[in-house]
Amino acid sequence: MQTFVNQPKTKRGQATLDRLTNSAEQLFLQKGFHATSINDITSLASVAPGTFYIYFEDKMSLYRYLLLQYSHRIRMNIAKAIKNCDSRKEAERLGLKAFLQFIYDNKHIYNIIWESLYIEKKLFVDYYTKFAQNYVTQIEIAQANQEMKMYDPEVISFLLMGISNFIGLNWVMFKDESEFDYVVDQVIEILDKGLFATKE
């Protein structure tokens, strides 16, 4: 798997890489990707301009690396939250709550991920497509265990991702709320019981 970075071999090198990525995140959030230069990043990170190229080929490589890290961190955070779940429904509930808490603690991630749509559409498509592919695997396992109905796993994955993303946008980014039990319970109840009423 391509990582877009030359991984450091020392703690000092890792610290320098962390300063570069943290500085890039801050500047991408403040100014946007296109308005941020490599010199801006190295200046804020307090490293020589040439140091950037020890780790990254160009600014796009750094941006791709950030997206890869975000995807990994979100998935690992959710995996940790659901590791002791004994049902897929409970895993979805705890996974959604973990996602919302992670986004609340890292609001900048939303901005940087969604900006990828305007930097290079394929970045945006690849980010969510790869996320969905990992989700599909879990859905297929749940279906095989008769914990989910046999709808198209790809449709289910994007449906659930869509719920997570837009619940996150509203409750975290728009409302800046930090308690998520109510909205998470509502989502799971709707998924469990269905949305449409049956006419008598």
C-alpha atoms as a PDB file:
ATOM      1  CA  MET A   1       0.000   0.000   0.000  1.00  0.00           C
ATOM      2  CA  GLN A   2       1.364   3.393  -0.960  1.00  0.00           C
ATOM      3  CA  THR A   3       1.884   5.698   2.011  1.00  0.00           C
ATOM      4  CA  PHE A   4       3.082   8.856   0.170  1.00  0.00           C
ATOM      5  CA  VAL A   5       5.766   9.465   2.810  1.00  0.00           C
ATOM      6  CA  ASN A   6       9.336   8.378   3.464  1.00  0.00           C
ATOM      7  CA  GLN A   7       8.911   7.040   6.985  1.00  0.00           C
ATOM      8  CA  PRO A   8      11.531   8.301   9.460  1.00  0.00           C
ATOM      9  CA  LYS A   9      13.788   5.804  11.178  1.00  0.00           C
ATOM     10  CA  THR A  10      14.496   7.830  14.326  1.00  0.00           C
ATOM     11  CA  LYS A  11      12.455   9.553  17.022  1.00  0.00           C
ATOM     12  CA  ARG A  12      13.929  12.864  15.934  1.00  0.00           C
ATOM     13  CA  GLY A  13      12.847  12.213  12.366  1.00  0.00           C
ATOM     14  CA  GLN A  14       9.351  11.274  13.530  1.00  0.00           C
ATOM     15  CA  ALA A  15       9.135  14.477  15.525  1.00  0.00           C
ATOM     16  CA  THR A  16      10.075  16.477  12.416  1.00  0.00           C
ATOM     17  CA  LEU A  17       7.500  14.640  10.320  1.00  0.00           C
ATOM     18  CA  ASP A  18       4.865  15.321  12.978  1.00  0.00           C
ATOM     19  CA  ARG A  19       5.698  19.030  12.950  1.00  0.00           C
ATOM     20  CA  LEU A  20       5.346  19.121   9.177  1.00  0.00           C
ATOM     21  CA  THR A  21       2.008  17.339   9.132  1.00  0.00           C
ATOM     22  CA  ASN A  22       0.632  19.338  12.067  1.00  0.00           C
ATOM     23  CA  SER A  23       1.684  22.577  10.391  1.00  0.00           C
ATOM     24  CA  ALA A  24       0.138  21.489   7.099  1.00  0.00           C
ATOM     25  CA  GLU A  25      -3.151  20.640   8.835  1.00  0.00           C
ATOM     26  CA  GLN A  26      -3.244  24.040  10.500  1.00  0.00           C
ATOM     27  CA  LEU A  27      -2.508  25.900   7.262  1.00  0.00           C
ATOM     28  CA  PHE A  28      -4.849  23.809   5.095  1.00  0.00           C
ATOM     29  CA  LEU A  29      -7.602  24.586   7.584  1.00  0.00           C
ATOM     30  CA  GLN A  30      -6.814  28.313   7.702  1.00  0.00           C
ATOM     31  CA  LYS A  31      -5.887  29.015   4.086  1.00  0.00           C
ATOM     32  CA  GLY A  32      -6.891  25.970   2.067  1.00  0.00           C
ATOM     33  CA  PHE A  33      -4.676  23.585   0.125  1.00  0.00           C
ATOM     34  CA  HIS A  34      -4.001  25.768  -2.928  1.00  0.00           C
ATOM     35  CA  ALA A  35      -3.166  28.903  -0.949  1.00  0.00           C
ATOM     36  CA  THR A  36      -0.689  27.042   1.260  1.00  0.00           C
ATOM     37  CA  SER A  37       2.881  26.732   0.000  1.00  0.00           C
ATOM     38  CA  ILE A  38       5.569  24.288   1.049  1.00  0.00           C
ATOM     39  CA  ASN A  39       7.530  27.253   2.400  1.00  0.00           C
ATOM     40  CA  ASP A  40       4.515  28.171   4.557  1.00  0.00           C
ATOM     41  CA  ILE A  41       4.485  24.650   5.975  1.00  0.00           C
ATOM     42  CA  THR A  42       8.211  24.459   6.697  1.00  0.00           C
ATOM     43  CA  SER A  43       8.230  27.953   8.174  1.00  0.00           C
ATOM     44  CA  LEU A  44       5.443  27.139  10.611  1.00  0.00           C
ATOM     45  CA  ALA A  45       7.115  23.815  11.420  1.00  0.00           C
ATOM     46  CA  SER A  46      10.423  25.636  12.052  1.00  0.00           C
ATOM     47  CA  VAL A  47      12.410  23.429   9.681  1.00  0.00           C
ATOM     48  CA  ALA A  48      14.540  24.230   6.646  1.00  0.00           C
ATOM     49  CA  PRO A  49      12.611  24.223   3.331  1.00  0.00           C
ATOM     50  CA  GLY A  50      14.682  21.316   2.013  1.00  0.00           C
ATOM     51  CA  THR A  51      13.675  19.168   4.975  1.00  0.00           C
ATOM     52  CA  PHE A  52      10.204  18.818   3.486  1.00  0.00           C
ATOM     53  CA  TYR A  53      11.573  16.768   0.599  1.00  0.00           C
ATOM     54  CA  ILE A  54      13.186  14.244   2.923  1.00  0.00           C
ATOM     55  CA  TYR A  55       9.666  13.061   3.715  1.00  0.00           C
ATOM     56  CA  PHE A  56       7.436  14.088   0.812  1.00  0.00           C
ATOM     57  CA  GLU A  57       7.812  14.397  -2.934  1.00  0.00           C
ATOM     58  CA  ASP A  58       5.433  17.353  -3.112  1.00  0.00           C
ATOM     59  CA  LYS A  59       2.546  19.051  -1.342  1.00  0.00           C
ATOM     60  CA  MET A  60       0.024  16.647  -2.868  1.00  0.00           C
ATOM     61  CA  SER A  61       1.895  13.685  -1.385  1.00  0.00           C
ATOM     62  CA  LEU A  62       1.571  15.266   2.049  1.00  0.00           C
ATOM     63  CA  TYR A  63      -2.144  15.848   1.489  1.00  0.00           C
ATOM     64  CA  ARG A  64      -2.680  12.251   0.368  1.00  0.00           C
ATOM     65  CA  TYR A  65      -0.772  11.089   3.416  1.00  0.00           C
ATOM     66  CA  LEU A  66      -3.081  13.109   5.673  1.00  0.00           C
ATOM     67  CA  LEU A  67      -6.167  11.560   4.058  1.00  0.00           C
ATOM     68  CA  LEU A  68      -4.703   8.082   4.520  1.00  0.00           C
ATOM     69  CA  GLN A  69      -3.967   8.831   8.161  1.00  0.00           C
ATOM     70  CA  TYR A  70      -7.476  10.160   8.758  1.00  0.00           C
ATOM     71  CA  SER A  71      -9.067   7.050   7.272  1.00  0.00           C
ATOM     72  CA  HIS A  72      -6.827   4.810   9.369  1.00  0.00           C
ATOM     73  CA  ARG A  73      -7.402   6.742  12.589  1.00  0.00           C
ATOM     74  CA  ILE A  74     -11.182   6.809  12.157  1.00  0.00           C
ATOM     75  CA  ARG A  75     -11.350   3.088  11.385  1.00  0.00           C
ATOM     76  CA  MET A  76      -9.055   2.174  14.272  1.00  0.00           C
ATOM     77  CA  ASN A  77     -11.022   4.392  16.647  1.00  0.00           C
ATOM     78  CA  ILE A  78     -14.282   2.701  15.643  1.00  0.00           C
ATOM     79  CA  ALA A  79     -12.709  -0.775  15.776  1.00  0.00           C
ATOM     80  CA  LYS A  80     -11.567  -0.127  19.342  1.00  0.00           C
ATOM     81  CA  ALA A  81     -15.046   1.039  20.347  1.00  0.00           C
ATOM     82  CA  ILE A  82     -16.838  -2.017  18.945  1.00  0.00           C
ATOM     83  CA  LYS A  83     -14.309  -4.770  19.705  1.00  0.00           C
ATOM     84  CA  ASN A  84     -16.419  -6.294  22.501  1.00  0.00           C
ATOM     85  CA  CYS A  85     -19.800  -5.991  20.798  1.00  0.00           C
ATOM     86  CA  ASP A  86     -21.890  -9.135  20.567  1.00  0.00           C
ATOM     87  CA  SER A  87     -24.210  -7.941  17.784  1.00  0.00           C
ATOM     88  CA  ARG A  88     -23.944  -5.887  14.597  1.00  0.00           C
ATOM     89  CA  LYS A  89     -26.675  -3.537  15.800  1.00  0.00           C
ATOM     90  CA  GLU A  90     -24.695  -2.722  18.925  1.00  0.00           C
ATOM     91  CA  ALA A  91     -21.553  -2.328  16.821  1.00  0.00           C
ATOM     92  CA  GLU A  92     -23.341   0.215  14.625  1.00  0.00           C
ATOM     93  CA  ARG A  93     -24.535   2.134  17.679  1.00  0.00           C
ATOM     94  CA  LEU A  94     -21.138   2.266  19.366  1.00  0.00           C
ATOM     95  CA  GLY A  95     -19.367   2.829  16.051  1.00  0.00           C
ATOM     96  CA  LEU A  96     -21.528   5.852  15.228  1.00  0.00           C
ATOM     97  CA  LYS A  97     -20.993   7.291  18.687  1.00  0.00           C
ATOM     98  CA  ALA A  98     -17.235   6.748  18.429  1.00  0.00           C
ATOM     99  CA  PHE A  99     -17.181   8.426  15.010  1.00  0.00           C
ATOM    100  CA  LEU A 100     -19.072  11.467  16.301  1.00  0.00           C
ATOM    101  CA  GLN A 101     -16.779  11.773  19.314  1.00  0.00           C
ATOM    102  CA  PHE A 102     -13.693  11.457  17.124  1.00  0.00           C
ATOM    103  CA  ILE A 103     -14.940  14.174  14.782  1.00  0.00           C
ATOM    104  CA  TYR A 104     -15.844  16.383  17.741  1.00  0.00           C
ATOM    105  CA  ASP A 105     -12.262  16.033  18.999  1.00  0.00           C
ATOM    106  CA  ASN A 106     -10.789  16.560  15.506  1.00  0.00           C
ATOM    107  CA  LYS A 107     -13.135  18.977  13.722  1.00  0.00           C
ATOM    108  CA  HIS A 108     -10.453  20.050  11.261  1.00  0.00           C
ATOM    109  CA  ILE A 109     -10.571  16.606   9.655  1.00  0.00           C
ATOM    110  CA  TYR A 110     -13.984  17.282   8.117  1.00  0.00           C
ATOM    111  CA  ASN A 111     -12.751  20.443   6.428  1.00  0.00           C
ATOM    112  CA  ILE A 112      -9.597  18.864   5.035  1.00  0.00           C
ATOM    113  CA  ILE A 113     -11.305  15.695   3.788  1.00  0.00           C
ATOM    114  CA  TRP A 114     -14.122  17.560   2.065  1.00  0.00           C
ATOM    115  CA  GLU A 115     -11.745  20.057   0.474  1.00  0.00           C
ATOM    116  CA  SER A 116     -10.308  17.116  -1.480  1.00  0.00           C
ATOM    117  CA  LEU A 117     -13.415  17.235  -3.697  1.00  0.00           C
ATOM    118  CA  TYR A 118     -12.213  20.605  -5.002  1.00  0.00           C
ATOM    119  CA  ILE A 119      -8.514  19.757  -5.117  1.00  0.00           C
ATOM    120  CA  GLU A 120      -8.809  16.570  -7.135  1.00  0.00           C
ATOM    121  CA  LYS A 121     -12.159  14.767  -7.327  1.00  0.00           C
ATOM    122  CA  LYS A 122     -10.510  11.344  -7.435  1.00  0.00           C
ATOM    123  CA  LEU A 123      -9.058  11.946  -3.950  1.00  0.00           C
ATOM    124  CA  PHE A 124     -12.559  12.429  -2.572  1.00  0.00           C
ATOM    125  CA  VAL A 125     -13.956   9.448  -4.475  1.00  0.00           C
ATOM    126  CA  ASP A 126     -11.087   7.158  -3.449  1.00  0.00           C
ATOM    127  CA  TYR A 127     -11.331   8.183   0.204  1.00  0.00           C
ATOM    128  CA  TYR A 128     -14.978   7.187   0.545  1.00  0.00           C
ATOM    129  CA  THR A 129     -14.810   4.243  -1.856  1.00  0.00           C
ATOM    130  CA  LYS A 130     -12.003   2.620   0.138  1.00  0.00           C
ATOM    131  CA  PHE A 131     -13.831   3.336   3.368  1.00  0.00           C
ATOM    132  CA  ALA A 132     -16.921   1.654   1.923  1.00  0.00           C
ATOM    133  CA  GLN A 133     -14.944  -1.386   0.792  1.00  0.00           C
ATOM    134  CA  ASN A 134     -13.835  -2.013   4.377  1.00  0.00           C
ATOM    135  CA  TYR A 135     -17.409  -1.514   5.557  1.00  0.00           C
ATOM    136  CA  VAL A 136     -18.762  -3.989   2.982  1.00  0.00           C
ATOM    137  CA  THR A 137     -16.625  -6.755   4.475  1.00  0.00           C
ATOM    138  CA  GLN A 138     -18.183  -6.223   7.894  1.00  0.00           C
ATOM    139  CA  ILE A 139     -21.673  -6.062   6.434  1.00  0.00           C
ATOM    140  CA  GLU A 140     -21.188  -9.328   4.562  1.00  0.00           C
ATOM    141  CA  ILE A 141     -20.080 -11.019   7.793  1.00  0.00           C
ATOM    142  CA  ALA A 142     -23.167  -9.669   9.562  1.00  0.00           C
ATOM    143  CA  GLN A 143     -25.375 -10.917   6.726  1.00  0.00           C
ATOM    144  CA  ALA A 144     -23.777 -14.354   6.854  1.00  0.00           C
ATOM    145  CA  ASN A 145     -24.535 -14.404  10.597  1.00  0.00           C
ATOM    146  CA  GLN A 146     -28.140 -13.355   9.871  1.00  0.00           C
ATOM    147  CA  GLU A 147     -27.683 -10.081  11.770  1.00  0.00           C
ATOM    148  CA  MET A 148     -28.481  -7.954   8.715  1.00  0.00           C
ATOM    149  CA  LYS A 149     -30.981  -8.436   5.935  1.00  0.00           C
ATOM    150  CA  MET A 150     -29.714  -9.398   2.492  1.00  0.00           C
ATOM    151  CA  TYR A 151     -29.664  -6.025   0.794  1.00  0.00           C
ATOM    152  CA  ASP A 152     -26.771  -5.008  -1.465  1.00  0.00           C
ATOM    153  CA  PRO A 153     -23.777  -4.531   0.901  1.00  0.00           C
ATOM    154  CA  GLU A 154     -22.455  -1.608  -1.145  1.00  0.00           C
ATOM    155  CA  VAL A 155     -25.793   0.196  -0.861  1.00  0.00           C
ATOM    156  CA  ILE A 156     -25.869  -0.463   2.883  1.00  0.00           C
ATOM    157  CA  SER A 157     -22.300   0.778   3.328  1.00  0.00           C
ATOM    158  CA  PHE A 158     -22.924   4.115   1.617  1.00  0.00           C
ATOM    159  CA  LEU A 159     -26.292   4.492   3.350  1.00  0.00           C
ATOM    160  CA  LEU A 160     -24.697   4.062   6.776  1.00  0.00           C
ATOM    161  CA  MET A 161     -21.713   6.235   5.868  1.00  0.00           C
ATOM    162  CA  GLY A 162     -24.096   8.921   4.657  1.00  0.00           C
ATOM    163  CA  ILE A 163     -25.973   8.830   7.947  1.00  0.00           C
ATOM    164  CA  SER A 164     -22.729   9.096   9.918  1.00  0.00           C
ATOM    165  CA  ASN A 165     -21.358  11.946   7.831  1.00  0.00           C
ATOM    166  CA  PHE A 166     -24.444  14.120   7.858  1.00  0.00           C
ATOM    167  CA  ILE A 167     -25.339  13.424  11.477  1.00  0.00           C
ATOM    168  CA  GLY A 168     -21.764  14.496  12.177  1.00  0.00           C
ATOM    169  CA  LEU A 169     -22.111  17.636  10.104  1.00  0.00           C
ATOM    170  CA  ASN A 170     -25.278  18.718  11.875  1.00  0.00           C
ATOM    171  CA  TRP A 171     -24.590  17.751  15.486  1.00  0.00           C
ATOM    172  CA  VAL A 172     -20.830  18.341  15.562  1.00  0.00           C
ATOM    173  CA  MET A 173     -20.011  20.982  12.949  1.00  0.00           C
ATOM    174  CA  PHE A 174     -23.252  22.989  12.876  1.00  0.00           C
ATOM    175  CA  LYS A 175     -24.518  22.653  16.464  1.00  0.00           C
ATOM    176  CA  ASP A 176     -21.196  21.947  18.180  1.00  0.00           C
ATOM    177  CA  GLU A 177     -22.817  19.446  20.536  1.00  0.00           C
ATOM    178  CA  SER A 178     -20.720  17.047  22.580  1.00  0.00           C
ATOM    179  CA  GLU A 179     -23.358  14.602  23.853  1.00  0.00           C
ATOM    180  CA  PHE A 180     -24.486  12.070  21.271  1.00  0.00           C
ATOM    181  CA  ASP A 181     -26.536   9.398  23.043  1.00  0.00           C
ATOM    182  CA  TYR A 182     -29.900  10.800  21.965  1.00  0.00           C
ATOM    183  CA  VAL A 183     -29.132  11.165  18.275  1.00  0.00           C
ATOM    184  CA  VAL A 184     -27.298   7.825  18.128  1.00  0.00           C
ATOM    185  CA  ASP A 185     -30.208   6.035  19.792  1.00  0.00           C
ATOM    186  CA  GLN A 186     -32.620   7.695  17.366  1.00  0.00           C
ATOM    187  CA  VAL A 187     -30.579   6.559  14.364  1.00  0.00           C
ATOM    188  CA  ILE A 188     -30.373   2.965  15.578  1.00  0.00           C
ATOM    189  CA  GLU A 189     -34.083   2.868  16.414  1.00  0.00           C
ATOM    190  CA  ILE A 190     -34.950   4.125  12.912  1.00  0.00           C
ATOM    191  CA  LEU A 191     -32.652   1.534  11.338  1.00  0.00           C
ATOM    192  CA  ASP A 192     -34.028  -1.203  13.566  1.00  0.00           C
ATOM    193  CA  LYS A 193     -37.734  -0.441  13.245  1.00  0.00           C
ATOM    194  CA  GLY A 194     -37.845   1.169   9.820  1.00  0.00           C
ATOM    195  CA  LEU A 195     -38.836   4.670   8.745  1.00  0.00           C
ATOM    196  CA  PHE A 196     -42.101   4.227   6.901  1.00  0.00           C
ATOM    197  CA  ALA A 197     -45.416   3.691   8.616  1.00  0.00           C
ATOM    198  CA  THR A 198     -47.684   0.890   7.409  1.00  0.00           C
ATOM    199  CA  LYS A 199     -51.162   2.071   6.516  1.00  0.00           C
ATOM    200  CA  GLU A 200     -54.019   0.041   7.921  1.00  0.00           C
END
